[in-house]
PDB file of N, CA and C in Angstrom:
ATOM      1  N   MET A   1      30.458   1.860   9.753  1.00  0.00           N
ATOM      2  CA  MET A   1      29.536   2.861  10.226  1.00  0.00           C
ATOM      3  C   MET A   1      28.119   2.343  10.073  1.00  0.00           C
ATOM      4  N   LYS A   2      27.263   2.809  10.934  1.00  0.00           N
ATOM      5  CA  LYS A   2      25.861   2.412  10.874  1.00  0.00           C
ATOM      6  C   LYS A   2      25.082   3.497  10.148  1.00  0.00           C
ATOM      7  N   VAL A   3      24.280   3.078   9.181  1.00  0.00           N
ATOM      8  CA  VAL A   3      23.495   4.008   8.377  1.00  0.00           C
ATOM      9  C   VAL A   3      22.053   3.521   8.338  1.00  0.00           C
ATOM     10  N   ILE A   4      21.122   4.440   8.515  1.00  0.00           N
ATOM     11  CA  ILE A   4      19.702   4.123   8.356  1.00  0.00           C
ATOM     12  C   ILE A   4      19.300   4.563   6.956  1.00  0.00           C
ATOM     13  N   VAL A   5      18.779   3.631   6.182  1.00  0.00           N
ATOM     14  CA  VAL A   5      18.346   3.928   4.822  1.00  0.00           C
ATOM     15  C   VAL A   5      16.832   3.807   4.768  1.00  0.00           C
ATOM     16  N   GLN A   6      16.192   4.837   4.249  1.00  0.00           N
ATOM     17  CA  GLN A   6      14.741   4.830   4.083  1.00  0.00           C
ATOM     18  C   GLN A   6      14.423   4.936   2.598  1.00  0.00           C
ATOM     19  N   VAL A   7      13.606   4.015   2.121  1.00  0.00           N
ATOM     20  CA  VAL A   7      13.161   4.031   0.736  1.00  0.00           C
ATOM     21  C   VAL A   7      11.653   4.241   0.742  1.00  0.00           C
ATOM     22  N   VAL A   8      11.198   5.209  -0.025  1.00  0.00           N
ATOM     23  CA  VAL A   8       9.767   5.483  -0.131  1.00  0.00           C
ATOM     24  C   VAL A   8       9.314   5.046  -1.516  1.00  0.00           C
ATOM     25  N   GLU A   9       8.305   4.197  -1.533  1.00  0.00           N
ATOM     26  CA  GLU A   9       7.751   3.707  -2.787  1.00  0.00           C
ATOM     27  C   GLU A   9       6.239   3.879  -2.766  1.00  0.00           C
ATOM     28  N   LYS A  10       5.689   4.117  -3.919  1.00  0.00           N
ATOM     29  CA  LYS A  10       4.239   4.167  -4.061  1.00  0.00           C
ATOM     30  C   LYS A  10       3.826   2.816  -4.636  1.00  0.00           C
ATOM     31  N   VAL A  11       3.007   2.082  -3.893  1.00  0.00           N
ATOM     32  CA  VAL A  11       2.605   0.738  -4.299  1.00  0.00           C
ATOM     33  C   VAL A  11       1.149   0.764  -4.759  1.00  0.00           C
ATOM     34  N   TYR A  12       0.926   0.273  -5.952  1.00  0.00           N
ATOM     35  CA  TYR A  12      -0.427   0.160  -6.491  1.00  0.00           C
ATOM     36  C   TYR A  12      -0.847  -1.297  -6.371  1.00  0.00           C
ATOM     37  N   GLN A  13      -1.983  -1.532  -5.765  1.00  0.00           N
ATOM     38  CA  GLN A  13      -2.503  -2.883  -5.628  1.00  0.00           C
ATOM     39  C   GLN A  13      -3.832  -2.975  -6.354  1.00  0.00           C
ATOM     40  N   GLU A  14      -4.120  -4.162  -6.832  1.00  0.00           N
ATOM     41  CA  GLU A  14      -5.337  -4.366  -7.613  1.00  0.00           C
ATOM     42  C   GLU A  14      -6.019  -5.644  -7.148  1.00  0.00           C
ATOM     43  N   ALA A  15      -7.328  -5.589  -7.047  1.00  0.00           N
ATOM     44  CA  ALA A  15      -8.118  -6.768  -6.690  1.00  0.00           C
ATOM     45  C   ALA A  15      -9.294  -6.871  -7.652  1.00  0.00           C
ATOM     46  N   HIS A  16      -9.593  -8.078  -8.059  1.00  0.00           N
ATOM     47  CA  HIS A  16     -10.765  -8.328  -8.903  1.00  0.00           C
ATOM     48  C   HIS A  16     -11.815  -8.973  -8.005  1.00  0.00           C
ATOM     49  N   ILE A  17     -12.913  -8.252  -7.752  1.00  0.00           N
ATOM     50  CA  ILE A  17     -13.946  -8.736  -6.839  1.00  0.00           C
ATOM     51  C   ILE A  17     -15.307  -8.658  -7.521  1.00  0.00           C
ATOM     52  N   TYR A  18     -16.250  -9.368  -6.974  1.00  0.00           N
ATOM     53  CA  TYR A  18     -17.629  -9.315  -7.454  1.00  0.00           C
ATOM     54  C   TYR A  18     -18.468  -8.584  -6.422  1.00  0.00           C
ATOM     55  N   ILE A  19     -19.324  -7.687  -6.900  1.00  0.00           N
ATOM     56  CA  ILE A  19     -20.231  -6.964  -6.014  1.00  0.00           C
ATOM     57  C   ILE A  19     -21.651  -7.142  -6.541  1.00  0.00           C
ATOM     58  N   PRO A  20     -22.635  -6.981  -5.671  1.00  0.00           N
ATOM     59  CA  PRO A  20     -24.024  -7.163  -6.102  1.00  0.00           C
ATOM     60  C   PRO A  20     -24.428  -6.176  -7.201  1.00  0.00           C
ATOM     61  N   ASP A  21     -25.255  -6.631  -8.116  1.00  0.00           N
ATOM     62  CA  ASP A  21     -25.776  -5.771  -9.184  1.00  0.00           C
ATOM     63  C   ASP A  21     -26.779  -4.769  -8.620  1.00  0.00           C
ATOM     64  N   GLY A  22     -26.963  -3.675  -9.343  1.00  0.00           N
ATOM     65  CA  GLY A  22     -28.006  -2.718  -9.015  1.00  0.00           C
ATOM     66  C   GLY A  22     -27.651  -1.707  -7.947  1.00  0.00           C
ATOM     67  N   MET A  23     -26.389  -1.639  -7.543  1.00  0.00           N
ATOM     68  CA  MET A  23     -25.996  -0.684  -6.506  1.00  0.00           C
ATOM     69  C   MET A  23     -25.684   0.672  -7.134  1.00  0.00           C
ATOM     70  N   SER A  24     -25.976   1.737  -6.398  1.00  0.00           N
ATOM     71  CA  SER A  24     -25.623   3.084  -6.851  1.00  0.00           C
ATOM     72  C   SER A  24     -24.110   3.276  -6.701  1.00  0.00           C
ATOM     73  N   ALA A  25     -23.588   4.334  -7.313  1.00  0.00           N
ATOM     74  CA  ALA A  25     -22.154   4.617  -7.215  1.00  0.00           C
ATOM     75  C   ALA A  25     -21.727   4.792  -5.757  1.00  0.00           C
ATOM     76  N   ASP A  26     -22.532   5.505  -4.968  1.00  0.00           N
ATOM     77  CA  ASP A  26     -22.205   5.699  -3.550  1.00  0.00           C
ATOM     78  C   ASP A  26     -22.234   4.378  -2.788  1.00  0.00           C
ATOM     79  N   ALA A  27     -23.192   3.522  -3.100  1.00  0.00           N
ATOM     80  CA  ALA A  27     -23.287   2.223  -2.429  1.00  0.00           C
ATOM     81  C   ALA A  27     -22.095   1.341  -2.785  1.00  0.00           C
ATOM     82  N   ILE A  28     -21.642   1.422  -4.037  1.00  0.00           N
ATOM     83  CA  ILE A  28     -20.462   0.650  -4.461  1.00  0.00           C
ATOM     84  C   ILE A  28     -19.234   1.119  -3.690  1.00  0.00           C
ATOM     85  N   LYS A  29     -19.051   2.443  -3.585  1.00  0.00           N
ATOM     86  CA  LYS A  29     -17.922   2.987  -2.828  1.00  0.00           C
ATOM     87  C   LYS A  29     -17.963   2.512  -1.382  1.00  0.00           C
ATOM     88  N   GLN A  30     -19.138   2.556  -0.773  1.00  0.00           N
ATOM     89  CA  GLN A  30     -19.276   2.136   0.618  1.00  0.00           C
ATOM     90  C   GLN A  30     -19.015   0.645   0.768  1.00  0.00           C
ATOM     91  N   TYR A  31     -19.503  -0.159  -0.160  1.00  0.00           N
ATOM     92  CA  TYR A  31     -19.308  -1.612  -0.147  1.00  0.00           C
ATOM     93  C   TYR A  31     -17.810  -1.940  -0.181  1.00  0.00           C
ATOM     94  N   ILE A  32     -17.101  -1.289  -1.104  1.00  0.00           N
ATOM     95  CA  ILE A  32     -15.661  -1.536  -1.231  1.00  0.00           C
ATOM     96  C   ILE A  32     -14.921  -1.048   0.009  1.00  0.00           C
ATOM     97  N   THR A  33     -15.269   0.135   0.508  1.00  0.00           N
ATOM     98  CA  THR A  33     -14.632   0.675   1.709  1.00  0.00           C
ATOM     99  C   THR A  33     -14.848  -0.242   2.904  1.00  0.00           C
ATOM    100  N   ASP A  34     -16.057  -0.740   3.078  1.00  0.00           N
ATOM    101  CA  ASP A  34     -16.356  -1.651   4.185  1.00  0.00           C
ATOM    102  C   ASP A  34     -15.526  -2.926   4.089  1.00  0.00           C
ATOM    103  N   ARG A  35     -15.404  -3.483   2.885  1.00  0.00           N
ATOM    104  CA  ARG A  35     -14.618  -4.713   2.698  1.00  0.00           C
ATOM    105  C   ARG A  35     -13.142  -4.461   2.989  1.00  0.00           C
ATOM    106  N   TYR A  36     -12.654  -3.299   2.561  1.00  0.00           N
ATOM    107  CA  TYR A  36     -11.254  -2.956   2.806  1.00  0.00           C
ATOM    108  C   TYR A  36     -10.998  -2.765   4.302  1.00  0.00           C
ATOM    109  N   ASN A  37     -11.855  -1.995   4.967  1.00  0.00           N
ATOM    110  CA  ASN A  37     -11.682  -1.718   6.397  1.00  0.00           C
ATOM    111  C   ASN A  37     -11.793  -2.965   7.255  1.00  0.00           C
ATOM    112  N   SER A  38     -12.589  -3.931   6.832  1.00  0.00           N
ATOM    113  CA  SER A  38     -12.748  -5.164   7.608  1.00  0.00           C
ATOM    114  C   SER A  38     -11.600  -6.144   7.375  1.00  0.00           C
ATOM    115  N   GLY A  39     -10.751  -5.865   6.380  1.00  0.00           N
ATOM    116  CA  GLY A  39      -9.654  -6.776   6.056  1.00  0.00           C
ATOM    117  C   GLY A  39     -10.055  -7.857   5.075  1.00  0.00           C
ATOM    118  N   GLU A  40     -11.312  -7.872   4.699  1.00  0.00           N
ATOM    119  CA  GLU A  40     -11.835  -8.902   3.798  1.00  0.00           C
ATOM    120  C   GLU A  40     -11.246  -8.790   2.388  1.00  0.00           C
ATOM    121  N   LEU A  41     -10.875  -7.590   1.998  1.00  0.00           N
ATOM    122  CA  LEU A  41     -10.350  -7.352   0.655  1.00  0.00           C
ATOM    123  C   LEU A  41      -8.851  -7.662   0.553  1.00  0.00           C
ATOM    124  N   THR A  42      -8.142  -7.584   1.667  1.00  0.00           N
ATOM    125  CA  THR A  42      -6.687  -7.716   1.675  1.00  0.00           C
ATOM    126  C   THR A  42      -6.161  -8.982   1.004  1.00  0.00           C
ATOM    127  N   PRO A  43      -6.728 -10.164   1.262  1.00  0.00           N
ATOM    128  CA  PRO A  43      -6.183 -11.365   0.600  1.00  0.00           C
ATOM    129  C   PRO A  43      -6.300 -11.331  -0.925  1.00  0.00           C
ATOM    130  N   ASN A  44      -7.185 -10.511  -1.460  1.00  0.00           N
ATOM    131  CA  ASN A  44      -7.383 -10.431  -2.907  1.00  0.00           C
ATOM    132  C   ASN A  44      -6.483  -9.406  -3.587  1.00  0.00           C
ATOM    133  N   LEU A  45      -5.806  -8.571  -2.797  1.00  0.00           N
ATOM    134  CA  LEU A  45      -4.987  -7.513  -3.378  1.00  0.00           C
ATOM    135  C   LEU A  45      -3.650  -8.066  -3.854  1.00  0.00           C
ATOM    136  N   ASN A  46      -3.319  -7.785  -5.083  1.00  0.00           N
ATOM    137  CA  ASN A  46      -2.037  -8.167  -5.666  1.00  0.00           C
ATOM    138  C   ASN A  46      -1.302  -6.899  -6.065  1.00  0.00           C
ATOM    139  N   ILE A  47       0.014  -6.908  -5.858  1.00  0.00           N
ATOM    140  CA  ILE A  47       0.801  -5.740  -6.248  1.00  0.00           C
ATOM    141  C   ILE A  47       0.767  -5.626  -7.765  1.00  0.00           C
ATOM    142  N   PHE A  48       0.356  -4.472  -8.228  1.00  0.00           N
ATOM    143  CA  PHE A  48       0.188  -4.209  -9.653  1.00  0.00           C
ATOM    144  C   PHE A  48       1.376  -3.422 -10.197  1.00  0.00           C
ATOM    145  N   GLN A  49       1.853  -2.458  -9.402  1.00  0.00           N
ATOM    146  CA  GLN A  49       2.943  -1.594  -9.852  1.00  0.00           C
ATOM    147  C   GLN A  49       3.585  -0.956  -8.632  1.00  0.00           C
ATOM    148  N   VAL A  50       4.906  -0.757  -8.681  1.00  0.00           N
ATOM    149  CA  VAL A  50       5.626  -0.067  -7.618  1.00  0.00           C
ATOM    150  C   VAL A  50       6.436   1.053  -8.262  1.00  0.00           C
ATOM    151  N   ASP A  51       6.215   2.275  -7.803  1.00  0.00           N
ATOM    152  CA  ASP A  51       6.964   3.427  -8.306  1.00  0.00           C
ATOM    153  C   ASP A  51       7.902   3.921  -7.220  1.00  0.00           C
ATOM    154  N   PHE A  52       9.166   4.084  -7.571  1.00  0.00           N
ATOM    155  CA  PHE A  52      10.158   4.620  -6.652  1.00  0.00           C
ATOM    156  C   PHE A  52       9.873   6.097  -6.417  1.00  0.00           C
ATOM    157  N   GLU A  53       9.859   6.512  -5.161  1.00  0.00           N
ATOM    158  CA  GLU A  53       9.613   7.912  -4.813  1.00  0.00           C
ATOM    159  C   GLU A  53      10.904   8.607  -4.371  1.00  0.00           C
ATOM    160  N   SER A  54      11.575   8.045  -3.363  1.00  0.00           N
ATOM    161  CA  SER A  54      12.790   8.691  -2.860  1.00  0.00           C
ATOM    162  C   SER A  54      13.607   7.708  -2.031  1.00  0.00           C
ATOM    163  N   ILE A  55      14.866   8.092  -1.798  1.00  0.00           N
ATOM    164  CA  ILE A  55      15.731   7.316  -0.911  1.00  0.00           C
ATOM    165  C   ILE A  55      16.489   8.311  -0.043  1.00  0.00           C
ATOM    166  N   ASN A  56      16.694   7.950   1.217  1.00  0.00           N
ATOM    167  CA  ASN A  56      17.357   8.825   2.164  1.00  0.00           C
ATOM    168  C   ASN A  56      18.281   7.972   3.022  1.00  0.00           C
ATOM    169  N   ALA A  57      19.476   8.472   3.307  1.00  0.00           N
ATOM    170  CA  ALA A  57      20.405   7.760   4.181  1.00  0.00           C
ATOM    171  C   ALA A  57      20.896   8.714   5.259  1.00  0.00           C
ATOM    172  N   GLN A  58      20.958   8.199   6.491  1.00  0.00           N
ATOM    173  CA  GLN A  58      21.407   9.008   7.618  1.00  0.00           C
ATOM    174  C   GLN A  58      22.460   8.217   8.380  1.00  0.00           C
ATOM    175  N   ILE A  59      23.647   8.808   8.560  1.00  0.00           N
ATOM    176  CA  ILE A  59      24.700   8.157   9.333  1.00  0.00           C
ATOM    177  C   ILE A  59      24.374   8.358  10.808  1.00  0.00           C
ATOM    178  N   VAL A  60      24.271   7.254  11.547  1.00  0.00           N
ATOM    179  CA  VAL A  60      23.928   7.359  12.963  1.00  0.00           C
ATOM    180  C   VAL A  60      25.103   7.026  13.874  1.00  0.00           C
ATOM    181  N   LYS A  61      26.143   6.367  13.327  1.00  0.00           N
ATOM    182  CA  LYS A  61      27.293   6.033  14.150  1.00  0.00           C
ATOM    183  C   LYS A  61      28.516   5.919  13.252  1.00  0.00           C
ATOM    184  N   THR A  62      29.567   6.630  13.605  1.00  0.00           N
ATOM    185  CA  THR A  62      30.810   6.522  12.857  1.00  0.00           C
ATOM    186  C   THR A  62      31.787   5.669  13.651  1.00  0.00           C
ATOM    187  N   PRO A  63      32.701   4.998  12.971  1.00  0.00           N
ATOM    188  CA  PRO A  63      33.646   4.133  13.693  1.00  0.00           C
ATOM    189  C   PRO A  63      34.592   4.949  14.571  1.00  0.00           C
ATOM    190  N   GLN A  64      34.982   4.377  15.694  1.00  0.00           N
ATOM    191  CA  GLN A  64      35.953   4.992  16.597  1.00  0.00           C
ATOM    192  C   GLN A  64      37.351   4.744  16.034  1.00  0.00           C
ATOM    193  N   GLU A  65      38.176   5.783  15.976  1.00  0.00           N
ATOM    194  CA  GLU A  65      39.545   5.607  15.457  1.00  0.00           C
ATOM    195  C   GLU A  65      40.524   5.560  16.587  1.00  0.00           C
TER     196      GLU A  65
END
């Protein structure tokens, strides 16, 4: 039989980056958001933790007898 299995996990990623000194909290948030949206941050992200959320299975085809 054919079964579709879906696993939902929460993935925590962590990156250690350097940002310019003297920025306000809002400027830091914007700086990080801009780097993330541009894809510039992605190569620095490492999986830190994975938490299992749920698993689901759906039978889509049963064998013909």
